[in-house]
Amino acid sequence: MSIAATIAALADVGLALAPWIPSAEPQRASDLDAAWLSRALGAAVPGARVLDVEDRGSTSGTTHRRRLRLGWNAAGLDAGLPAHVFVKATSPSPKNRTMVAGLSMATTEVRFYEQVRPALGDVAPEVYFGWAGRGARFVLVLEDLDESGAAPLAPGEPVTVEHVRAVIEQLARLHAAYWE
């Protein structure tokens, strides 16, 4: 790593300690309101507007995660804009933001969804919006896999042989896409 890259990484870690920094996009999942979601997800559909947003639960750790139900107007519904989304955004914890910044996790994940995910088919959730800024500030609005019929497991939950088989098949598809 060059000296310039080291200095930039240290600056990013320093910014992660700040409770708030100016940015072009929301920094917390709770900042995503109907107006912002209309612009971010409905910009390509003339007249599309989110009329209501229902919080379907949230958790926080390395990132702040939130499931939302979106009520679209007729233009949004006719265009098939997502009715359910999963949001990953900046952690409220300075400790977690510092770790995310130090490992470039937010920028790496946003780049994954922008650059790698399009070639993977349904191996990873569809991304509707992605942005990463300084100090581990970021927002990802993704397909809600729970609503797509997937069954994500939490650490410590029992795992069936069928689930392990499905995970291995998906990992094989992921690696096959980049095998040379």
C-alpha atoms as a PDB file:
ATOM      1  CA  MET A   1       0.000   0.000   0.000  1.00  0.00           C
ATOM      2  CA  SER A   2       1.408   3.404  -0.936  1.00  0.00           C
ATOM      3  CA  ILE A   3       1.835   6.218   1.557  1.00  0.00           C
ATOM      4  CA  ALA A   4      -0.988   8.149  -0.154  1.00  0.00           C
ATOM      5  CA  ALA A   5      -3.318   5.148   0.119  1.00  0.00           C
ATOM      6  CA  THR A   6      -2.393   4.693   3.790  1.00  0.00           C
ATOM      7  CA  ILE A   7      -3.114   8.355   4.529  1.00  0.00           C
ATOM      8  CA  ALA A   8      -6.459   8.133   2.707  1.00  0.00           C
ATOM      9  CA  ALA A   9      -7.392   4.995   4.674  1.00  0.00           C
ATOM     10  CA  LEU A  10      -6.476   6.656   7.979  1.00  0.00           C
ATOM     11  CA  ALA A  11      -8.520   9.735   7.039  1.00  0.00           C
ATOM     12  CA  ASP A  12     -11.492   7.479   6.272  1.00  0.00           C
ATOM     13  CA  VAL A  13     -11.144   5.799   9.672  1.00  0.00           C
ATOM     14  CA  GLY A  14     -10.984   9.230  11.318  1.00  0.00           C
ATOM     15  CA  LEU A  15     -14.145  10.324   9.519  1.00  0.00           C
ATOM     16  CA  ALA A  16     -15.859   7.121  10.658  1.00  0.00           C
ATOM     17  CA  LEU A  17     -15.541   8.319  14.254  1.00  0.00           C
ATOM     18  CA  ALA A  18     -17.561  11.454  13.547  1.00  0.00           C
ATOM     19  CA  PRO A  19     -21.281  11.107  14.370  1.00  0.00           C
ATOM     20  CA  TRP A  20     -22.189  12.830  11.093  1.00  0.00           C
ATOM     21  CA  ILE A  21     -20.395  14.127   8.004  1.00  0.00           C
ATOM     22  CA  PRO A  22     -21.814  16.008   5.008  1.00  0.00           C
ATOM     23  CA  SER A  23     -22.786  13.685   2.168  1.00  0.00           C
ATOM     24  CA  ALA A  24     -24.784  13.612  -1.034  1.00  0.00           C
ATOM     25  CA  GLU A  25     -27.013  10.777   0.177  1.00  0.00           C
ATOM     26  CA  PRO A  26     -28.657   9.679   3.428  1.00  0.00           C
ATOM     27  CA  GLN A  27     -26.295   8.119   5.939  1.00  0.00           C
ATOM     28  CA  ARG A  28     -28.730   6.062   8.007  1.00  0.00           C
ATOM     29  CA  ALA A  29     -31.390   3.576   6.957  1.00  0.00           C
ATOM     30  CA  SER A  30     -33.883   5.571   9.010  1.00  0.00           C
ATOM     31  CA  ASP A  31     -33.244   8.617   6.767  1.00  0.00           C
ATOM     32  CA  LEU A  32     -34.845   6.931   3.749  1.00  0.00           C
ATOM     33  CA  ASP A  33     -38.278   8.504   3.394  1.00  0.00           C
ATOM     34  CA  ALA A  34     -40.912   8.343   0.644  1.00  0.00           C
ATOM     35  CA  ALA A  35     -39.491  11.349  -1.243  1.00  0.00           C
ATOM     36  CA  TRP A  36     -35.936   9.978  -1.275  1.00  0.00           C
ATOM     37  CA  LEU A  37     -37.067   6.463  -2.235  1.00  0.00           C
ATOM     38  CA  SER A  38     -39.166   7.932  -5.071  1.00  0.00           C
ATOM     39  CA  ARG A  39     -36.089   9.700  -6.479  1.00  0.00           C
ATOM     40  CA  ALA A  40     -33.675   6.806  -5.938  1.00  0.00           C
ATOM     41  CA  LEU A  41     -35.874   3.963  -7.176  1.00  0.00           C
ATOM     42  CA  GLY A  42     -38.413   5.653  -9.421  1.00  0.00           C
ATOM     43  CA  ALA A  43     -36.317   8.203 -11.328  1.00  0.00           C
ATOM     44  CA  ALA A  44     -36.589   6.284 -14.617  1.00  0.00           C
ATOM     45  CA  VAL A  45     -40.403   6.074 -14.424  1.00  0.00           C
ATOM     46  CA  PRO A  46     -42.194   9.358 -15.140  1.00  0.00           C
ATOM     47  CA  GLY A  47     -44.601  10.219 -12.340  1.00  0.00           C
ATOM     48  CA  ALA A  48     -43.629   7.305 -10.062  1.00  0.00           C
ATOM     49  CA  ARG A  49     -43.902   8.183  -6.386  1.00  0.00           C
ATOM     50  CA  VAL A  50     -43.723   6.249  -3.154  1.00  0.00           C
ATOM     51  CA  LEU A  51     -46.886   7.144  -1.258  1.00  0.00           C
ATOM     52  CA  ASP A  52     -46.119   5.344   1.980  1.00  0.00           C
ATOM     53  CA  VAL A  53     -43.263   3.471   3.635  1.00  0.00           C
ATOM     54  CA  GLU A  54     -43.842   0.755   6.226  1.00  0.00           C
ATOM     55  CA  ASP A  55     -40.923  -0.279   8.436  1.00  0.00           C
ATOM     56  CA  ARG A  56     -40.904  -4.090   8.578  1.00  0.00           C
ATOM     57  CA  GLY A  57     -38.116  -4.344  11.153  1.00  0.00           C
ATOM     58  CA  SER A  58     -34.503  -3.395  11.542  1.00  0.00           C
ATOM     59  CA  THR A  59     -31.286  -4.658  13.097  1.00  0.00           C
ATOM     60  CA  SER A  60     -27.948  -3.054  13.684  1.00  0.00           C
ATOM     61  CA  GLY A  61     -24.408  -4.333  13.876  1.00  0.00           C
ATOM     62  CA  THR A  62     -21.621  -3.878  11.374  1.00  0.00           C
ATOM     63  CA  THR A  63     -24.274  -2.081   9.329  1.00  0.00           C
ATOM     64  CA  HIS A  64     -27.794  -0.833   9.984  1.00  0.00           C
ATOM     65  CA  ARG A  65     -30.294  -3.068   8.188  1.00  0.00           C
ATOM     66  CA  ARG A  66     -33.943  -2.281   7.586  1.00  0.00           C
ATOM     67  CA  ARG A  67     -36.750  -4.014   5.692  1.00  0.00           C
ATOM     68  CA  LEU A  68     -39.324  -1.720   4.091  1.00  0.00           C
ATOM     69  CA  ARG A  69     -42.652  -2.138   2.334  1.00  0.00           C
ATOM     70  CA  LEU A  70     -43.197   0.557  -0.294  1.00  0.00           C
ATOM     71  CA  GLY A  71     -46.613   1.735  -1.405  1.00  0.00           C
ATOM     72  CA  TRP A  72     -46.264   3.117  -4.955  1.00  0.00           C
ATOM     73  CA  ASN A  73     -48.717   5.233  -6.914  1.00  0.00           C
ATOM     74  CA  ALA A  74     -50.213   3.842 -10.147  1.00  0.00           C
ATOM     75  CA  ALA A  75     -47.157   4.805 -12.253  1.00  0.00           C
ATOM     76  CA  GLY A  76     -44.820   2.921  -9.896  1.00  0.00           C
ATOM     77  CA  LEU A  77     -47.104  -0.101  -9.674  1.00  0.00           C
ATOM     78  CA  ASP A  78     -47.568  -0.255 -13.465  1.00  0.00           C
ATOM     79  CA  ALA A  79     -43.779  -0.127 -13.931  1.00  0.00           C
ATOM     80  CA  GLY A  80     -43.274  -3.005 -11.500  1.00  0.00           C
ATOM     81  CA  LEU A  81     -41.138  -1.012  -9.067  1.00  0.00           C
ATOM     82  CA  PRO A  82     -40.275  -3.015  -5.928  1.00  0.00           C
ATOM     83  CA  ALA A  83     -42.905  -3.230  -3.207  1.00  0.00           C
ATOM     84  CA  HIS A  84     -40.406  -4.585  -0.654  1.00  0.00           C
ATOM     85  CA  VAL A  85     -36.745  -3.658  -0.182  1.00  0.00           C
ATOM     86  CA  PHE A  86     -33.885  -4.491   2.157  1.00  0.00           C
ATOM     87  CA  VAL A  87     -31.717  -1.518   3.128  1.00  0.00           C
ATOM     88  CA  LYS A  88     -28.134  -1.716   4.345  1.00  0.00           C
ATOM     89  CA  ALA A  89     -26.631   1.547   5.538  1.00  0.00           C
ATOM     90  CA  THR A  90     -24.152   3.226   7.850  1.00  0.00           C
ATOM     91  CA  SER A  91     -23.917   1.759  11.326  1.00  0.00           C
ATOM     92  CA  PRO A  92     -24.881   4.095  14.169  1.00  0.00           C
ATOM     93  CA  SER A  93     -21.895   2.750  16.144  1.00  0.00           C
ATOM     94  CA  PRO A  94     -18.553   4.610  15.793  1.00  0.00           C
ATOM     95  CA  LYS A  95     -16.737   1.345  16.607  1.00  0.00           C
ATOM     96  CA  ASN A  96     -18.484  -0.481  13.768  1.00  0.00           C
ATOM     97  CA  ARG A  97     -18.074   2.429  11.327  1.00  0.00           C
ATOM     98  CA  THR A  98     -14.346   2.471  12.117  1.00  0.00           C
ATOM     99  CA  MET A  99     -14.021  -1.240  11.333  1.00  0.00           C
ATOM    100  CA  VAL A 100     -16.070  -0.896   8.135  1.00  0.00           C
ATOM    101  CA  ALA A 101     -13.947   2.106   7.042  1.00  0.00           C
ATOM    102  CA  GLY A 102     -10.634   0.455   7.947  1.00  0.00           C
ATOM    103  CA  LEU A 103     -11.469  -2.599   5.843  1.00  0.00           C
ATOM    104  CA  SER A 104     -13.151  -0.596   3.026  1.00  0.00           C
ATOM    105  CA  MET A 105     -16.186  -2.822   3.468  1.00  0.00           C
ATOM    106  CA  ALA A 106     -18.823  -0.272   2.426  1.00  0.00           C
ATOM    107  CA  THR A 107     -17.085   0.831  -0.759  1.00  0.00           C
ATOM    108  CA  THR A 108     -16.210  -2.771  -1.629  1.00  0.00           C
ATOM    109  CA  GLU A 109     -19.795  -3.952  -1.177  1.00  0.00           C
ATOM    110  CA  VAL A 110     -21.236  -1.107  -3.249  1.00  0.00           C
ATOM    111  CA  ARG A 111     -18.663  -1.821  -5.990  1.00  0.00           C
ATOM    112  CA  PHE A 112     -19.607  -5.519  -5.873  1.00  0.00           C
ATOM    113  CA  TYR A 113     -23.260  -4.686  -6.518  1.00  0.00           C
ATOM    114  CA  GLU A 114     -22.407  -2.167  -9.257  1.00  0.00           C
ATOM    115  CA  GLN A 115     -19.665  -4.089 -11.077  1.00  0.00           C
ATOM    116  CA  VAL A 116     -19.897  -7.823 -10.290  1.00  0.00           C
ATOM    117  CA  ARG A 117     -23.518  -8.536  -9.398  1.00  0.00           C
ATOM    118  CA  PRO A 118     -24.945  -7.833 -12.901  1.00  0.00           C
ATOM    119  CA  ALA A 119     -23.055 -10.866 -14.259  1.00  0.00           C
ATOM    120  CA  LEU A 120     -24.293 -13.233 -11.541  1.00  0.00           C
ATOM    121  CA  GLY A 121     -27.965 -13.719 -12.342  1.00  0.00           C
ATOM    122  CA  ASP A 122     -29.884 -14.564  -9.191  1.00  0.00           C
ATOM    123  CA  VAL A 123     -26.860 -15.586  -7.101  1.00  0.00           C
ATOM    124  CA  ALA A 124     -27.025 -12.282  -5.185  1.00  0.00           C
ATOM    125  CA  PRO A 125     -29.902  -9.890  -4.487  1.00  0.00           C
ATOM    126  CA  GLU A 126     -30.787  -7.312  -7.104  1.00  0.00           C
ATOM    127  CA  VAL A 127     -29.536  -3.823  -6.250  1.00  0.00           C
ATOM    128  CA  TYR A 128     -31.890  -0.886  -6.766  1.00  0.00           C
ATOM    129  CA  PHE A 129     -29.568   1.815  -5.436  1.00  0.00           C
ATOM    130  CA  GLY A 130     -25.993   1.940  -4.174  1.00  0.00           C
ATOM    131  CA  TRP A 131     -23.819   4.762  -2.863  1.00  0.00           C
ATOM    132  CA  ALA A 132     -20.651   4.856  -0.741  1.00  0.00           C
ATOM    133  CA  GLY A 133     -18.989   7.940   0.679  1.00  0.00           C
ATOM    134  CA  ARG A 134     -16.213   8.681   3.150  1.00  0.00           C
ATOM    135  CA  GLY A 135     -16.047   7.445   6.726  1.00  0.00           C
ATOM    136  CA  ALA A 136     -17.978   4.225   6.003  1.00  0.00           C
ATOM    137  CA  ARG A 137     -21.107   6.181   5.058  1.00  0.00           C
ATOM    138  CA  PHE A 138     -23.142   4.205   2.530  1.00  0.00           C
ATOM    139  CA  VAL A 139     -26.615   3.144   1.436  1.00  0.00           C
ATOM    140  CA  LEU A 140     -27.620   0.004  -0.441  1.00  0.00           C
ATOM    141  CA  VAL A 141     -31.244  -0.624  -1.386  1.00  0.00           C
ATOM    142  CA  LEU A 142     -31.573  -4.277  -2.340  1.00  0.00           C
ATOM    143  CA  GLU A 143     -34.139  -6.871  -3.256  1.00  0.00           C
ATOM    144  CA  ASP A 144     -35.743  -8.216  -0.071  1.00  0.00           C
ATOM    145  CA  LEU A 145     -34.869 -11.906  -0.258  1.00  0.00           C
ATOM    146  CA  ASP A 146     -37.439 -12.806   2.403  1.00  0.00           C
ATOM    147  CA  GLU A 147     -40.135 -11.558   0.023  1.00  0.00           C
ATOM    148  CA  SER A 148     -38.559 -13.515  -2.843  1.00  0.00           C
ATOM    149  CA  GLY A 149     -39.001 -16.808  -1.020  1.00  0.00           C
ATOM    150  CA  ALA A 150     -35.428 -17.168   0.235  1.00  0.00           C
ATOM    151  CA  ALA A 151     -34.800 -18.357   3.766  1.00  0.00           C
ATOM    152  CA  PRO A 152     -31.758 -16.508   5.152  1.00  0.00           C
ATOM    153  CA  LEU A 153     -30.464 -18.024   8.370  1.00  0.00           C
ATOM    154  CA  ALA A 154     -29.167 -16.241  11.436  1.00  0.00           C
ATOM    155  CA  PRO A 155     -25.993 -17.434  13.173  1.00  0.00           C
ATOM    156  CA  GLY A 156     -26.721 -20.419  15.377  1.00  0.00           C
ATOM    157  CA  GLU A 157     -29.854 -21.545  13.521  1.00  0.00           C
ATOM    158  CA  PRO A 158     -29.915 -25.233  12.528  1.00  0.00           C
ATOM    159  CA  VAL A 159     -28.890 -25.958   8.952  1.00  0.00           C
ATOM    160  CA  THR A 160     -30.357 -28.747   6.832  1.00  0.00           C
ATOM    161  CA  VAL A 161     -28.483 -30.808   4.271  1.00  0.00           C
ATOM    162  CA  GLU A 162     -30.760 -29.322   1.585  1.00  0.00           C
ATOM    163  CA  HIS A 163     -29.770 -25.791   2.619  1.00  0.00           C
ATOM    164  CA  VAL A 164     -26.052 -26.648   2.530  1.00  0.00           C
ATOM    165  CA  ARG A 165     -26.510 -28.239  -0.904  1.00  0.00           C
ATOM    166  CA  ALA A 166     -28.254 -25.083  -2.184  1.00  0.00           C
ATOM    167  CA  VAL A 167     -25.477 -22.857  -0.804  1.00  0.00           C
ATOM    168  CA  ILE A 168     -22.806 -24.993  -2.486  1.00  0.00           C
ATOM    169  CA  GLU A 169     -24.718 -24.867  -5.793  1.00  0.00           C
ATOM    170  CA  GLN A 170     -24.927 -21.057  -5.586  1.00  0.00           C
ATOM    171  CA  LEU A 171     -21.223 -20.777  -4.739  1.00  0.00           C
ATOM    172  CA  ALA A 172     -20.444 -22.989  -7.746  1.00  0.00           C
ATOM    173  CA  ARG A 173     -22.512 -20.665  -9.973  1.00  0.00           C
ATOM    174  CA  LEU A 174     -20.688 -17.653  -8.535  1.00  0.00           C
ATOM    175  CA  HIS A 175     -17.259 -19.166  -9.200  1.00  0.00           C
ATOM    176  CA  ALA A 176     -18.289 -20.470 -12.621  1.00  0.00           C
ATOM    177  CA  ALA A 177     -19.106 -16.937 -13.740  1.00  0.00           C
ATOM    178  CA  TYR A 178     -15.445 -15.950 -13.270  1.00  0.00           C
ATOM    179  CA  TRP A 179     -13.639 -19.205 -14.024  1.00  0.00           C
ATOM    180  CA  GLU A 180     -11.026 -18.825 -16.728  1.00  0.00           C
END
